[in-house]
Amino acid sequence: MPDAQWWTSVDYEVWNSEHGEFNDTFGSTSPTGHTLDCAMAGIGRYATVAFLAYGDS
């Protein structure tokens, strides 16, 4: 879905997007109560896609 808009639970600064540098300096909003998790959603013209990955260590 190249024309989709995407959202994730990982928050990068605007500077990272402008310079294409995505290293480990980011914030994260936990969508679940698990130790490790990440959510991503994309909305396009004909489809909506959601991903959720989680685990406990």
Protein backbone atom coordinates (compact mmCIF):
# COMPACT_ATOMS: atom_id res chain seq x y z
CA MET A 1 0.00 0.00 0.00
CA PRO A 2 2.33 2.77 -1.18
CA ASP A 3 -0.24 5.55 -0.70
CA ALA A 4 -1.20 4.41 2.82
CA GLN A 5 -0.71 6.33 6.04
CA TRP A 6 1.09 4.37 8.76
CA TRP A 7 1.15 4.67 12.55
CA THR A 8 3.24 2.80 15.10
CA SER A 9 3.77 2.71 18.85
CA VAL A 10 7.38 3.88 18.33
CA ASP A 11 7.86 7.66 18.35
CA TYR A 12 10.81 9.22 16.51
CA GLU A 13 11.64 12.92 16.54
CA VAL A 14 10.90 14.97 13.40
CA TRP A 15 14.67 15.29 12.87
CA ASN A 16 14.93 11.50 12.42
CA SER A 17 12.31 11.51 9.66
CA GLU A 18 13.88 14.50 7.92
CA HIS A 19 17.37 12.94 7.92
CA GLY A 20 16.41 9.27 7.50
CA GLU A 21 18.30 8.23 10.62
CA PHE A 22 16.38 5.66 12.63
CA ASN A 23 18.64 4.32 15.38
CA ASP A 24 17.82 3.31 18.94
CA THR A 25 17.03 6.85 20.17
CA PHE A 26 13.25 6.71 20.19
CA GLY A 27 10.36 6.70 22.59
CA SER A 28 7.67 4.07 22.73
CA THR A 29 4.09 3.91 23.91
CA SER A 30 3.21 0.41 25.07
CA PRO A 31 -0.09 -0.83 23.57
CA THR A 32 -0.24 -3.89 25.89
CA GLY A 33 0.91 -4.93 29.35
CA HIS A 34 3.58 -7.30 28.00
CA THR A 35 7.32 -6.85 28.54
CA LEU A 36 8.04 -6.40 24.81
CA ASP A 37 5.46 -5.16 22.33
CA CYS A 38 4.97 -3.06 19.21
CA ALA A 39 1.89 -2.12 17.21
CA MET A 40 1.63 -0.82 13.67
CA ALA A 41 -1.44 0.18 11.62
CA GLY A 42 -1.79 1.30 8.02
CA ILE A 43 -4.84 2.79 6.33
CA GLY A 44 -5.03 2.97 2.55
CA ARG A 45 -7.71 3.56 -0.04
CA TYR A 46 -9.02 -0.01 -0.12
CA ALA A 47 -7.60 -1.68 2.98
CA THR A 48 -6.73 -1.28 6.64
CA VAL A 49 -3.90 -3.39 8.08
CA ALA A 50 -2.96 -3.83 11.74
CA PHE A 51 0.02 -5.69 13.23
CA LEU A 52 0.64 -6.47 16.89
CA ALA A 53 3.71 -8.29 18.19
CA TYR A 54 4.30 -9.03 21.87
CA GLY A 55 6.20 -11.32 24.18
CA ASP A 56 7.41 -11.73 27.75
CA SER A 57 10.96 -12.44 28.80
